[in-house]
N, C-alpha and C. Protein backbone atom coordinates (compact mmCIF):
# COMPACT_ATOMS: atom_id res chain seq x y z
N UNK A 1 135.03 78.58 -135.36
CA UNK A 1 135.02 78.87 -133.94
C UNK A 1 135.64 80.11 -133.56
N UNK A 2 136.75 80.56 -134.34
CA UNK A 2 137.33 81.82 -134.09
C UNK A 2 136.30 82.94 -134.34
N UNK A 3 135.44 82.77 -135.34
CA UNK A 3 134.48 83.80 -135.66
C UNK A 3 133.49 83.92 -134.49
N UNK A 4 133.03 82.83 -133.88
CA UNK A 4 132.17 82.96 -132.74
C UNK A 4 132.82 83.66 -131.61
N UNK A 5 134.05 83.27 -131.37
CA UNK A 5 134.77 84.01 -130.30
C UNK A 5 134.89 85.50 -130.47
N UNK A 6 135.19 85.83 -131.69
CA UNK A 6 135.33 87.29 -131.94
C UNK A 6 134.03 88.06 -131.93
N UNK A 7 132.93 87.36 -132.30
CA UNK A 7 131.71 87.97 -132.31
C UNK A 7 130.96 88.06 -130.98
N UNK A 8 131.18 87.06 -130.16
CA UNK A 8 130.44 86.94 -128.93
C UNK A 8 131.32 87.21 -127.69
N UNK A 9 132.57 87.38 -127.90
CA UNK A 9 133.43 87.46 -126.68
C UNK A 9 134.57 88.44 -127.01
N UNK A 10 135.27 88.94 -126.02
CA UNK A 10 136.44 89.80 -126.21
C UNK A 10 137.60 89.18 -125.52
N UNK A 11 138.72 89.05 -126.15
CA UNK A 11 139.93 88.60 -125.58
C UNK A 11 141.18 89.26 -126.18
N UNK A 12 142.26 89.18 -125.48
CA UNK A 12 143.56 89.68 -125.99
C UNK A 12 144.61 88.54 -125.88
N UNK A 13 145.14 88.23 -126.92
CA UNK A 13 146.15 87.13 -126.90
C UNK A 13 147.21 87.38 -125.90
N UNK A 14 147.52 86.34 -125.02
CA UNK A 14 148.62 86.48 -124.09
C UNK A 14 148.24 87.15 -122.79
N UNK A 15 146.94 87.60 -122.70
CA UNK A 15 146.52 88.24 -121.38
C UNK A 15 145.42 87.31 -120.85
N UNK A 16 145.58 86.80 -119.60
CA UNK A 16 144.60 85.95 -118.99
C UNK A 16 143.91 86.51 -117.83
N UNK A 17 144.41 87.75 -117.33
CA UNK A 17 143.78 88.38 -116.21
C UNK A 17 142.44 89.00 -116.61
N UNK A 18 141.32 88.57 -115.94
CA UNK A 18 140.05 89.18 -116.35
C UNK A 18 140.06 90.66 -116.09
N UNK A 19 140.67 91.16 -115.09
CA UNK A 19 140.67 92.60 -114.84
C UNK A 19 141.32 93.33 -116.00
N UNK A 20 142.49 92.80 -116.47
CA UNK A 20 143.14 93.49 -117.57
C UNK A 20 142.31 93.48 -118.84
N UNK A 21 141.65 92.34 -119.14
CA UNK A 21 140.82 92.24 -120.34
C UNK A 21 139.60 93.24 -120.19
N UNK A 22 138.97 93.31 -118.99
CA UNK A 22 137.90 94.19 -118.82
C UNK A 22 138.35 95.59 -118.92
N UNK A 23 139.48 95.94 -118.38
CA UNK A 23 140.01 97.36 -118.50
C UNK A 23 140.23 97.65 -120.02
N UNK A 24 140.83 96.81 -120.76
CA UNK A 24 141.10 97.03 -122.12
C UNK A 24 139.77 97.19 -122.92
N UNK A 25 138.77 96.38 -122.68
CA UNK A 25 137.46 96.47 -123.37
C UNK A 25 136.81 97.82 -122.98
N UNK A 26 136.82 98.19 -121.72
CA UNK A 26 136.21 99.42 -121.27
C UNK A 26 136.85 100.65 -121.96
N UNK A 27 138.19 100.60 -122.06
CA UNK A 27 138.86 101.82 -122.66
C UNK A 27 138.57 101.86 -124.18
N UNK A 28 138.49 100.71 -124.84
CA UNK A 28 138.23 100.69 -126.23
C UNK A 28 136.81 101.15 -126.47
N UNK A 29 135.83 100.80 -125.58
CA UNK A 29 134.47 101.25 -125.74
C UNK A 29 134.40 102.78 -125.63
N UNK A 30 135.13 103.29 -124.63
CA UNK A 30 135.20 104.82 -124.46
C UNK A 30 135.83 105.43 -125.71
N UNK A 31 136.92 104.88 -126.20
CA UNK A 31 137.60 105.39 -127.34
C UNK A 31 136.60 105.50 -128.57
N UNK A 32 135.85 104.42 -128.81
CA UNK A 32 134.93 104.41 -129.84
C UNK A 32 133.78 105.38 -129.66
N UNK A 33 133.31 105.53 -128.43
CA UNK A 33 132.25 106.50 -128.13
C UNK A 33 132.61 107.91 -128.34
N UNK A 34 133.84 108.27 -127.90
CA UNK A 34 134.33 109.62 -127.94
C UNK A 34 135.21 109.97 -129.13
N UNK A 35 135.45 108.95 -130.04
CA UNK A 35 136.38 109.28 -131.15
C UNK A 35 137.81 109.46 -130.87
N UNK A 36 138.32 108.76 -129.89
CA UNK A 36 139.77 108.98 -129.48
C UNK A 36 140.68 108.44 -130.61
N UNK A 37 141.85 109.04 -130.66
CA UNK A 37 142.89 108.49 -131.52
C UNK A 37 143.59 107.37 -130.81
N UNK A 38 144.52 106.68 -131.59
CA UNK A 38 145.30 105.58 -130.97
C UNK A 38 146.13 106.16 -129.85
N UNK A 39 146.77 107.29 -130.00
CA UNK A 39 147.60 107.85 -128.97
C UNK A 39 146.83 108.19 -127.73
N UNK A 40 145.58 108.70 -127.91
CA UNK A 40 144.72 108.99 -126.82
C UNK A 40 144.45 107.78 -126.00
N UNK A 41 144.10 106.74 -126.74
CA UNK A 41 143.71 105.45 -126.07
C UNK A 41 144.84 104.75 -125.39
N UNK A 42 146.07 104.90 -126.04
CA UNK A 42 147.24 104.30 -125.51
C UNK A 42 147.58 105.00 -124.08
N UNK A 43 147.43 106.26 -124.06
CA UNK A 43 147.68 107.01 -122.87
C UNK A 43 146.69 106.60 -121.68
N UNK A 44 145.40 106.43 -122.13
CA UNK A 44 144.37 106.07 -121.17
C UNK A 44 144.59 104.65 -120.65
N UNK A 45 145.08 103.69 -121.54
CA UNK A 45 145.40 102.36 -121.07
C UNK A 45 146.56 102.40 -120.09
N UNK A 46 147.58 103.07 -120.44
CA UNK A 46 148.80 103.06 -119.64
C UNK A 46 148.69 103.89 -118.27
N UNK A 47 147.75 104.79 -118.34
CA UNK A 47 147.48 105.66 -117.11
C UNK A 47 146.48 105.00 -116.16
N UNK A 48 145.94 103.92 -116.61
CA UNK A 48 144.81 103.20 -115.77
C UNK A 48 145.45 102.61 -114.52
N UNK A 49 144.45 102.19 -113.61
CA UNK A 49 144.91 101.58 -112.39
C UNK A 49 145.41 100.12 -112.62
N UNK A 50 144.93 99.59 -113.75
CA UNK A 50 145.26 98.16 -114.05
C UNK A 50 146.38 98.10 -115.09
N UNK A 51 147.50 97.63 -114.71
CA UNK A 51 148.63 97.64 -115.59
C UNK A 51 148.45 96.75 -116.87
N UNK A 52 148.77 97.33 -117.99
CA UNK A 52 148.68 96.57 -119.27
C UNK A 52 149.98 96.87 -119.99
N UNK A 53 151.03 96.13 -119.56
CA UNK A 53 152.38 96.38 -120.07
C UNK A 53 152.60 95.64 -121.39
N UNK A 54 152.16 96.21 -122.45
CA UNK A 54 152.30 95.59 -123.77
C UNK A 54 153.07 96.59 -124.66
N UNK A 55 153.88 96.11 -125.67
CA UNK A 55 154.63 97.01 -126.54
C UNK A 55 153.61 97.80 -127.43
N UNK A 56 154.14 98.85 -128.00
CA UNK A 56 153.36 99.69 -128.87
C UNK A 56 152.67 98.87 -129.99
N UNK A 57 153.44 97.97 -130.62
CA UNK A 57 152.85 97.26 -131.74
C UNK A 57 151.62 96.33 -131.35
N UNK A 58 151.67 95.78 -130.18
CA UNK A 58 150.54 94.96 -129.68
C UNK A 58 149.33 95.89 -129.42
N UNK A 59 149.58 97.01 -128.72
CA UNK A 59 148.50 97.96 -128.50
C UNK A 59 147.90 98.55 -129.76
N UNK A 60 148.77 98.79 -130.80
CA UNK A 60 148.21 99.34 -132.02
C UNK A 60 147.32 98.22 -132.69
N UNK A 61 147.72 96.88 -132.59
CA UNK A 61 146.96 95.87 -133.22
C UNK A 61 145.56 95.75 -132.52
N UNK A 62 145.62 95.82 -131.15
CA UNK A 62 144.33 95.69 -130.35
C UNK A 62 143.40 96.81 -130.71
N UNK A 63 143.96 98.01 -130.70
CA UNK A 63 143.15 99.22 -131.02
C UNK A 63 142.54 99.18 -132.34
N UNK A 64 143.35 99.05 -133.39
CA UNK A 64 142.85 99.18 -134.76
C UNK A 64 141.98 98.01 -135.20
N UNK A 65 142.31 96.78 -134.78
CA UNK A 65 141.42 95.65 -135.13
C UNK A 65 140.03 95.78 -134.58
N UNK A 66 139.93 96.12 -133.20
CA UNK A 66 138.62 96.17 -132.52
C UNK A 66 137.87 97.36 -133.05
N UNK A 67 138.54 98.51 -133.18
CA UNK A 67 137.78 99.76 -133.58
C UNK A 67 137.27 99.50 -135.03
N UNK A 68 138.06 98.94 -135.89
CA UNK A 68 137.69 98.70 -137.29
C UNK A 68 136.57 97.77 -137.34
N UNK A 69 136.52 96.73 -136.55
CA UNK A 69 135.41 95.76 -136.51
C UNK A 69 134.10 96.42 -136.15
N UNK A 70 134.13 97.23 -135.08
CA UNK A 70 133.00 97.92 -134.56
C UNK A 70 132.46 98.92 -135.67
N UNK A 71 133.40 99.67 -136.29
CA UNK A 71 133.10 100.65 -137.36
C UNK A 71 132.41 99.89 -138.49
N UNK A 72 132.89 98.77 -138.99
CA UNK A 72 132.30 98.03 -140.12
C UNK A 72 130.91 97.51 -139.71
N UNK A 73 130.72 97.04 -138.55
CA UNK A 73 129.45 96.68 -138.13
C UNK A 73 128.43 97.88 -138.20
N UNK A 74 128.90 99.01 -137.85
CA UNK A 74 128.00 100.16 -137.86
C UNK A 74 127.68 100.57 -139.33
N UNK A 75 128.75 100.47 -140.25
CA UNK A 75 128.57 100.76 -141.62
C UNK A 75 127.46 99.80 -142.22
N UNK A 76 127.61 98.51 -141.90
CA UNK A 76 126.56 97.52 -142.41
C UNK A 76 125.15 97.88 -141.94
N UNK A 77 124.97 98.39 -140.66
CA UNK A 77 123.64 98.75 -140.21
C UNK A 77 123.05 99.90 -141.07
N UNK A 78 123.93 100.82 -141.46
CA UNK A 78 123.49 101.94 -142.31
C UNK A 78 123.20 101.36 -143.76
N UNK A 79 124.00 100.52 -144.25
CA UNK A 79 123.83 99.85 -145.58
C UNK A 79 122.56 99.05 -145.65
N UNK A 80 122.20 98.36 -144.57
CA UNK A 80 121.05 97.50 -144.46
C UNK A 80 119.79 98.43 -144.55
N UNK A 81 119.77 99.53 -143.98
CA UNK A 81 118.64 100.48 -144.05
C UNK A 81 118.53 101.14 -145.37
N UNK A 82 119.59 101.17 -146.15
CA UNK A 82 119.58 101.87 -147.44
C UNK A 82 119.70 100.84 -148.61
N UNK A 83 119.39 99.58 -148.36
CA UNK A 83 119.61 98.56 -149.35
C UNK A 83 118.71 98.70 -150.57
N UNK A 84 117.55 99.32 -150.44
CA UNK A 84 116.65 99.59 -151.51
C UNK A 84 117.24 100.49 -152.59
N UNK A 85 117.83 101.60 -152.13
CA UNK A 85 118.41 102.54 -153.03
C UNK A 85 119.84 102.12 -153.43
N UNK A 86 120.52 101.37 -152.58
CA UNK A 86 121.92 100.98 -152.83
C UNK A 86 122.01 99.42 -152.62
N UNK A 87 121.54 98.73 -153.54
CA UNK A 87 121.49 97.22 -153.33
C UNK A 87 122.79 96.48 -153.53
N UNK A 88 123.87 97.16 -153.93
CA UNK A 88 125.18 96.47 -154.24
C UNK A 88 126.22 97.07 -153.30
N UNK A 89 127.21 96.26 -153.10
CA UNK A 89 128.30 96.61 -152.23
C UNK A 89 129.59 96.42 -153.01
N UNK A 90 130.59 97.31 -152.78
CA UNK A 90 131.84 97.28 -153.37
C UNK A 90 132.99 97.23 -152.38
N UNK A 91 133.82 96.23 -152.53
CA UNK A 91 134.96 96.12 -151.61
C UNK A 91 135.97 97.18 -151.90
N UNK A 92 136.47 97.84 -150.90
CA UNK A 92 137.41 98.97 -151.02
C UNK A 92 138.64 98.85 -150.16
N UNK A 93 139.72 98.48 -150.75
CA UNK A 93 141.02 98.39 -150.09
C UNK A 93 141.80 99.70 -150.06
N UNK A 94 142.71 99.83 -149.20
CA UNK A 94 143.45 101.09 -149.14
C UNK A 94 144.48 101.23 -150.25
N UNK A 95 145.12 100.07 -150.61
CA UNK A 95 146.02 100.04 -151.73
C UNK A 95 147.27 100.92 -151.59
N UNK A 96 147.91 100.71 -150.38
CA UNK A 96 149.17 101.31 -150.26
C UNK A 96 150.20 100.16 -149.99
N UNK A 97 151.40 100.50 -149.50
CA UNK A 97 152.45 99.48 -149.39
C UNK A 97 152.09 98.43 -148.37
N UNK A 98 151.15 98.81 -147.40
CA UNK A 98 150.80 97.84 -146.41
C UNK A 98 149.67 96.91 -146.73
N UNK A 99 149.00 97.13 -147.83
CA UNK A 99 147.82 96.39 -148.20
C UNK A 99 148.21 94.94 -148.51
N UNK A 100 147.57 93.94 -147.96
CA UNK A 100 147.85 92.54 -148.30
C UNK A 100 147.44 92.31 -149.67
N UNK A 101 148.20 91.40 -150.40
CA UNK A 101 147.88 91.07 -151.86
C UNK A 101 146.43 90.54 -151.96
N UNK A 102 145.99 89.63 -151.08
CA UNK A 102 144.62 89.12 -151.22
C UNK A 102 143.62 90.20 -151.04
N UNK A 103 143.80 91.14 -150.13
CA UNK A 103 142.89 92.26 -149.98
C UNK A 103 142.88 93.23 -151.16
N UNK A 104 144.07 93.37 -151.70
CA UNK A 104 144.16 94.25 -152.94
C UNK A 104 143.43 93.56 -154.15
N UNK A 105 143.54 92.19 -154.18
CA UNK A 105 142.81 91.55 -155.27
C UNK A 105 141.30 91.81 -155.25
N UNK A 106 140.75 92.00 -154.09
CA UNK A 106 139.27 92.26 -153.90
C UNK A 106 138.86 93.67 -154.18
N UNK A 107 139.79 94.58 -154.23
CA UNK A 107 139.55 95.98 -154.41
C UNK A 107 138.65 96.22 -155.59
N UNK A 108 137.58 96.95 -155.38
CA UNK A 108 136.60 97.39 -156.42
C UNK A 108 135.72 96.19 -156.85
N UNK A 109 135.81 95.05 -156.26
CA UNK A 109 134.85 93.95 -156.58
C UNK A 109 133.39 94.38 -156.09
N UNK A 110 132.41 94.11 -156.96
CA UNK A 110 131.05 94.49 -156.62
C UNK A 110 130.15 93.28 -156.69
N UNK A 111 129.23 93.20 -155.74
CA UNK A 111 128.26 92.09 -155.70
C UNK A 111 127.09 92.59 -155.04
N UNK A 112 125.82 92.03 -155.21
CA UNK A 112 124.65 92.29 -154.39
C UNK A 112 124.87 92.25 -152.85
N UNK A 113 124.16 92.95 -152.11
CA UNK A 113 124.42 92.86 -150.64
C UNK A 113 124.12 91.56 -150.06
N UNK A 114 123.22 90.75 -150.73
CA UNK A 114 122.97 89.44 -150.16
C UNK A 114 123.79 88.35 -150.83
N UNK A 115 124.78 88.67 -151.60
CA UNK A 115 125.64 87.67 -152.27
C UNK A 115 126.50 86.94 -151.23
N UNK A 116 126.60 85.63 -151.35
CA UNK A 116 127.44 84.80 -150.39
C UNK A 116 128.85 85.30 -150.26
N UNK A 117 129.33 86.06 -151.23
CA UNK A 117 130.78 86.52 -151.10
C UNK A 117 130.99 87.30 -149.77
N UNK A 118 129.92 88.03 -149.39
CA UNK A 118 130.11 88.90 -148.21
C UNK A 118 130.08 88.10 -146.90
N UNK A 119 129.62 86.84 -147.03
CA UNK A 119 129.71 86.00 -145.77
C UNK A 119 131.16 85.66 -145.49
N UNK A 120 131.98 85.79 -146.47
CA UNK A 120 133.42 85.51 -146.30
C UNK A 120 134.23 86.73 -146.24
N UNK A 121 133.87 87.76 -147.10
CA UNK A 121 134.78 88.83 -147.36
C UNK A 121 134.29 90.24 -146.85
N UNK A 122 133.30 90.23 -145.91
CA UNK A 122 132.98 91.53 -145.31
C UNK A 122 133.99 91.92 -144.28
N UNK A 123 134.73 93.05 -144.45
CA UNK A 123 135.82 93.32 -143.53
C UNK A 123 135.42 93.68 -142.12
N UNK A 124 136.41 93.59 -141.14
CA UNK A 124 137.79 93.30 -141.46
C UNK A 124 138.13 91.90 -141.76
N UNK A 125 139.20 91.62 -142.56
CA UNK A 125 139.48 90.33 -143.04
C UNK A 125 140.91 89.94 -142.57
N UNK A 126 141.30 90.49 -141.46
CA UNK A 126 142.55 90.12 -140.81
C UNK A 126 142.88 91.14 -139.75
N UNK A 127 143.88 90.85 -138.94
CA UNK A 127 144.34 91.80 -137.94
C UNK A 127 144.74 93.07 -138.58
N UNK A 128 144.32 94.29 -138.08
CA UNK A 128 144.65 95.58 -138.52
C UNK A 128 144.18 95.86 -139.89
N UNK A 129 143.27 95.09 -140.37
CA UNK A 129 142.69 95.28 -141.78
C UNK A 129 142.02 96.70 -141.84
N UNK A 130 142.28 97.51 -142.84
CA UNK A 130 141.70 98.80 -143.01
C UNK A 130 140.73 98.81 -144.07
N UNK A 131 140.40 97.68 -144.65
CA UNK A 131 139.37 97.69 -145.73
C UNK A 131 137.97 98.01 -145.34
N UNK A 132 137.10 98.41 -146.21
CA UNK A 132 135.80 98.66 -145.99
C UNK A 132 134.86 98.29 -147.20
N UNK A 133 133.59 98.31 -147.02
CA UNK A 133 132.66 98.02 -148.15
C UNK A 133 131.78 99.25 -148.27
N UNK A 134 131.59 99.60 -149.56
CA UNK A 134 130.83 100.86 -149.97
C UNK A 134 129.48 100.42 -150.61
N UNK A 135 128.39 100.99 -150.21
CA UNK A 135 127.11 100.78 -150.86
C UNK A 135 127.00 101.50 -152.22
N UNK A 136 126.43 100.81 -153.25
CA UNK A 136 126.28 101.54 -154.52
C UNK A 136 124.87 101.27 -155.09
N UNK A 137 124.37 102.31 -155.84
CA UNK A 137 123.18 102.08 -156.64
C UNK A 137 123.58 101.24 -157.93
N UNK A 138 122.53 100.73 -158.59
CA UNK A 138 122.79 99.93 -159.75
C UNK A 138 123.61 100.72 -160.87
N UNK A 139 123.20 101.98 -161.04
CA UNK A 139 123.84 102.80 -162.04
C UNK A 139 125.29 103.09 -161.65
N UNK A 140 125.51 103.32 -160.40
CA UNK A 140 126.89 103.54 -159.91
C UNK A 140 127.74 102.25 -160.08
N UNK A 141 127.09 101.10 -159.75
CA UNK A 141 127.85 99.82 -159.95
C UNK A 141 128.18 99.50 -161.33
N UNK A 142 127.26 99.77 -162.25
CA UNK A 142 127.51 99.53 -163.69
C UNK A 142 128.58 100.44 -164.21
N UNK A 143 128.65 101.67 -163.74
CA UNK A 143 129.62 102.57 -164.22
C UNK A 143 131.02 102.18 -163.75
N UNK A 144 131.04 101.33 -162.71
CA UNK A 144 132.35 100.88 -162.16
C UNK A 144 132.76 99.44 -162.65
N UNK A 145 131.91 98.92 -163.55
CA UNK A 145 132.21 97.67 -164.20
C UNK A 145 131.53 96.48 -163.67
N UNK A 146 130.42 96.69 -162.86
CA UNK A 146 129.72 95.50 -162.33
C UNK A 146 129.12 94.65 -163.49
N UNK A 147 129.16 93.40 -163.32
CA UNK A 147 128.65 92.46 -164.35
C UNK A 147 129.77 91.90 -165.27
N UNK A 148 130.96 92.58 -165.36
CA UNK A 148 131.93 92.05 -166.15
C UNK A 148 133.22 91.62 -165.35
N UNK A 149 133.02 91.56 -163.95
CA UNK A 149 134.08 91.26 -163.13
C UNK A 149 134.04 89.76 -162.67
N UNK A 150 135.21 89.06 -162.86
CA UNK A 150 135.23 87.74 -162.30
C UNK A 150 135.53 87.84 -160.77
N UNK A 151 135.05 86.93 -159.98
CA UNK A 151 135.32 87.01 -158.53
C UNK A 151 136.77 86.60 -158.31
N UNK A 152 137.55 87.35 -157.69
CA UNK A 152 138.92 87.04 -157.40
C UNK A 152 139.04 85.69 -156.55
N UNK A 153 139.85 84.81 -156.99
CA UNK A 153 139.95 83.50 -156.27
C UNK A 153 140.95 83.53 -155.10
N UNK A 154 140.60 84.36 -154.15
CA UNK A 154 141.45 84.55 -152.98
C UNK A 154 140.56 84.42 -151.72
N UNK A 155 141.23 84.16 -150.58
CA UNK A 155 140.56 84.11 -149.35
C UNK A 155 141.11 85.12 -148.34
N UNK A 156 140.32 85.49 -147.31
CA UNK A 156 140.83 86.41 -146.30
C UNK A 156 141.98 85.75 -145.47
N UNK A 157 142.51 86.51 -144.49
CA UNK A 157 143.57 85.94 -143.67
C UNK A 157 143.01 84.68 -142.88
N UNK A 158 143.85 83.84 -142.57
CA UNK A 158 143.44 82.60 -141.87
C UNK A 158 142.66 82.92 -140.61
N UNK A 159 141.43 82.30 -140.45
CA UNK A 159 140.62 82.54 -139.35
C UNK A 159 139.71 83.74 -139.40
N UNK A 160 139.71 84.42 -140.54
CA UNK A 160 138.85 85.65 -140.70
C UNK A 160 137.72 85.48 -141.80
N UNK A 161 137.52 84.21 -142.14
CA UNK A 161 136.53 84.02 -143.28
C UNK A 161 135.10 83.87 -142.70
N UNK A 162 134.67 84.77 -141.87
CA UNK A 162 133.37 84.73 -141.24
C UNK A 162 132.69 86.06 -141.45
N UNK A 163 131.37 86.15 -141.36
CA UNK A 163 130.59 87.36 -141.56
C UNK A 163 130.37 88.10 -140.27
N UNK A 164 130.86 89.20 -140.00
CA UNK A 164 130.63 89.97 -138.85
C UNK A 164 129.26 90.47 -138.78
N UNK A 165 128.46 90.51 -139.85
CA UNK A 165 127.12 91.10 -139.93
C UNK A 165 126.14 90.11 -139.46
N UNK A 166 126.38 88.84 -139.53
CA UNK A 166 125.32 87.77 -139.38
C UNK A 166 125.65 86.97 -138.11
N UNK A 167 124.72 85.91 -137.90
CA UNK A 167 124.90 85.10 -136.79
C UNK A 167 126.25 84.36 -136.85
N UNK A 168 126.96 84.35 -135.75
CA UNK A 168 128.32 83.80 -135.74
C UNK A 168 128.36 82.26 -135.99
N UNK A 169 127.19 81.61 -135.97
CA UNK A 169 127.17 80.16 -136.13
C UNK A 169 127.28 79.78 -137.56
N UNK A 170 127.29 80.71 -138.49
CA UNK A 170 127.34 80.39 -139.98
C UNK A 170 128.61 79.58 -140.20
N UNK A 171 129.68 79.99 -139.67
CA UNK A 171 130.96 79.25 -139.91
C UNK A 171 130.91 77.77 -139.31
N UNK A 172 130.22 77.60 -138.19
CA UNK A 172 130.15 76.33 -137.68
C UNK A 172 129.27 75.46 -138.52
N UNK A 173 128.12 76.02 -138.99
CA UNK A 173 127.21 75.25 -139.81
C UNK A 173 127.95 74.79 -141.15
N UNK A 174 128.73 75.73 -141.63
CA UNK A 174 129.57 75.38 -142.86
C UNK A 174 130.51 74.19 -142.64
N UNK A 175 131.17 74.18 -141.44
CA UNK A 175 132.09 73.22 -141.09
C UNK A 175 131.35 71.88 -140.76
N UNK A 176 130.13 71.93 -140.14
CA UNK A 176 129.40 70.70 -139.97
C UNK A 176 128.93 70.10 -141.29
N UNK A 177 128.49 71.01 -142.18
CA UNK A 177 128.04 70.45 -143.47
C UNK A 177 129.21 69.77 -144.17
N UNK A 178 130.39 70.30 -144.12
CA UNK A 178 131.54 69.72 -144.75
C UNK A 178 131.86 68.41 -144.11
N UNK A 179 131.81 68.31 -142.75
CA UNK A 179 132.15 67.13 -142.11
C UNK A 179 131.14 65.99 -142.39
N UNK A 180 129.91 66.38 -142.55
CA UNK A 180 128.83 65.34 -142.91
C UNK A 180 129.08 64.87 -144.29
N UNK A 181 129.48 65.75 -145.22
CA UNK A 181 129.63 65.39 -146.60
C UNK A 181 130.84 64.32 -146.74
N UNK A 182 131.78 64.41 -145.78
CA UNK A 182 132.91 63.52 -145.77
C UNK A 182 132.83 62.26 -144.92
N UNK A 183 131.68 62.21 -144.17
CA UNK A 183 131.57 61.11 -143.20
C UNK A 183 130.93 59.92 -143.85
N UNK A 184 131.12 58.67 -143.22
CA UNK A 184 130.49 57.49 -143.71
C UNK A 184 129.01 57.61 -143.75
N UNK A 185 128.28 56.98 -144.68
CA UNK A 185 126.87 57.14 -144.87
C UNK A 185 126.00 57.06 -143.60
N UNK A 186 126.34 56.08 -142.74
CA UNK A 186 125.61 55.86 -141.56
C UNK A 186 125.67 57.02 -140.61
N UNK A 187 126.92 57.46 -140.36
CA UNK A 187 127.12 58.64 -139.49
C UNK A 187 126.43 59.91 -140.10
N UNK A 188 126.63 60.10 -141.39
CA UNK A 188 125.97 61.25 -142.05
C UNK A 188 124.48 61.29 -141.84
N UNK A 189 123.79 60.04 -142.04
CA UNK A 189 122.40 60.02 -141.81
C UNK A 189 121.98 60.30 -140.40
N UNK A 190 122.75 59.85 -139.41
CA UNK A 190 122.49 60.09 -138.01
C UNK A 190 122.65 61.64 -137.67
N UNK A 191 123.68 62.20 -138.24
CA UNK A 191 123.95 63.64 -138.03
C UNK A 191 122.85 64.46 -138.67
N UNK A 192 122.42 64.12 -139.86
CA UNK A 192 121.31 64.89 -140.49
C UNK A 192 119.99 64.75 -139.70
N UNK A 193 119.73 63.59 -139.14
CA UNK A 193 118.57 63.35 -138.36
C UNK A 193 118.57 64.21 -137.10
N UNK A 194 119.81 64.34 -136.51
CA UNK A 194 119.90 65.13 -135.31
C UNK A 194 119.69 66.63 -135.64
N UNK A 195 120.17 67.03 -136.73
CA UNK A 195 120.04 68.45 -137.19
C UNK A 195 118.49 68.70 -137.39
N UNK A 196 117.82 67.90 -138.09
CA UNK A 196 116.42 68.09 -138.30
C UNK A 196 115.62 68.11 -137.12
N UNK A 197 115.98 67.15 -136.15
CA UNK A 197 115.30 67.16 -134.82
C UNK A 197 115.51 68.51 -134.03
N UNK A 198 116.70 68.94 -134.12
CA UNK A 198 117.03 70.19 -133.44
C UNK A 198 116.22 71.40 -134.00
N UNK A 199 115.97 71.35 -135.33
CA UNK A 199 115.30 72.49 -135.97
C UNK A 199 113.76 72.26 -135.75
N UNK A 200 113.28 71.02 -135.42
CA UNK A 200 111.82 70.80 -135.23
C UNK A 200 111.35 71.23 -133.87
N UNK A 201 112.17 71.07 -132.82
CA UNK A 201 111.73 71.43 -131.49
C UNK A 201 112.42 72.69 -131.10
N UNK A 202 111.52 73.74 -131.05
CA UNK A 202 111.94 75.04 -130.75
C UNK A 202 111.83 75.29 -129.20
N UNK A 203 113.00 75.47 -128.57
CA UNK A 203 113.05 75.62 -127.13
C UNK A 203 112.36 76.81 -126.69
N UNK A 204 112.21 77.81 -127.51
CA UNK A 204 111.52 79.08 -127.06
C UNK A 204 110.03 78.82 -126.90
N UNK A 205 109.49 77.70 -127.36
CA UNK A 205 108.10 77.38 -127.22
C UNK A 205 107.79 76.46 -126.01
N UNK A 206 108.86 76.00 -125.35
CA UNK A 206 108.73 75.14 -124.17
C UNK A 206 108.06 75.87 -123.08
N UNK A 207 107.26 75.22 -122.20
CA UNK A 207 106.56 75.80 -121.13
C UNK A 207 106.78 74.94 -119.91
N UNK A 208 106.98 75.65 -118.79
CA UNK A 208 107.11 74.88 -117.51
C UNK A 208 105.85 74.18 -117.11
N UNK A 209 106.07 72.92 -116.55
CA UNK A 209 104.88 72.18 -115.99
C UNK A 209 104.92 72.42 -114.48
N UNK A 210 103.86 73.10 -113.97
CA UNK A 210 103.81 73.37 -112.51
C UNK A 210 103.89 72.19 -111.62
N UNK A 211 104.60 72.33 -110.46
CA UNK A 211 104.66 71.21 -109.54
C UNK A 211 105.61 70.13 -109.85
N UNK A 212 106.49 70.28 -110.83
CA UNK A 212 107.35 69.15 -111.21
C UNK A 212 108.80 69.28 -110.80
N UNK A 213 109.16 70.45 -110.13
CA UNK A 213 110.54 70.70 -109.85
C UNK A 213 111.03 69.64 -108.84
N UNK A 214 112.17 68.97 -109.21
CA UNK A 214 112.73 67.95 -108.33
C UNK A 214 114.06 68.34 -107.72
N UNK A 215 114.78 69.23 -108.41
CA UNK A 215 116.08 69.68 -107.95
C UNK A 215 116.15 71.21 -107.92
N UNK A 216 117.36 71.71 -108.32
CA UNK A 216 117.52 73.20 -108.28
C UNK A 216 117.01 73.84 -109.53
N UNK A 217 116.81 73.08 -110.58
CA UNK A 217 116.32 73.68 -111.85
C UNK A 217 114.87 73.64 -111.92
N UNK A 218 114.17 74.80 -112.38
CA UNK A 218 112.78 74.82 -112.60
C UNK A 218 112.30 73.68 -113.53
N UNK A 219 111.20 73.05 -113.26
CA UNK A 219 110.60 72.02 -114.14
C UNK A 219 110.24 72.61 -115.55
């Protein structure tokens, strides 16, 4: 559910004023468009008509997490267009004193662009995560050890194991599948029947029946 929220909505923890949230989003959008630094954005936020009285650490987290998410989505769009020439992806961590151990463990790990690992590990993989993914040709990947690497048995930061590149419902589908596998047989059968029915009837194919409107909703 956190993945859906981050992919389809914008929020700032501890801020409930819609005006403040909208102001924050607008200034981040402008920062991304014009290539502003954190200091430039911080001045714009604090000089705005809408007060956003947050400490520097909070502002830094908001800026870097949201800019890095947008940046990595853009990187994936380029990688998707170049997947024929560069069909493999390599995880690239910064590897300095601030790099999280689990992110460091993924550094230089290589897998095909359609490998399920990227449904969990395509960055960012936590607040203020600076990791990225690099596209590689097969020859480049083999030169870096592809084929002889075991997948590190680590997970991203809690709540960040979703794929920013794909439909945000992937995480929910995974949770539903797990719940069904653990449910009593009768409930599991009913749940599977409901899923099949939902996939059978495509709402985009529904058509209105003229002259049937009874209330405020069209028939």
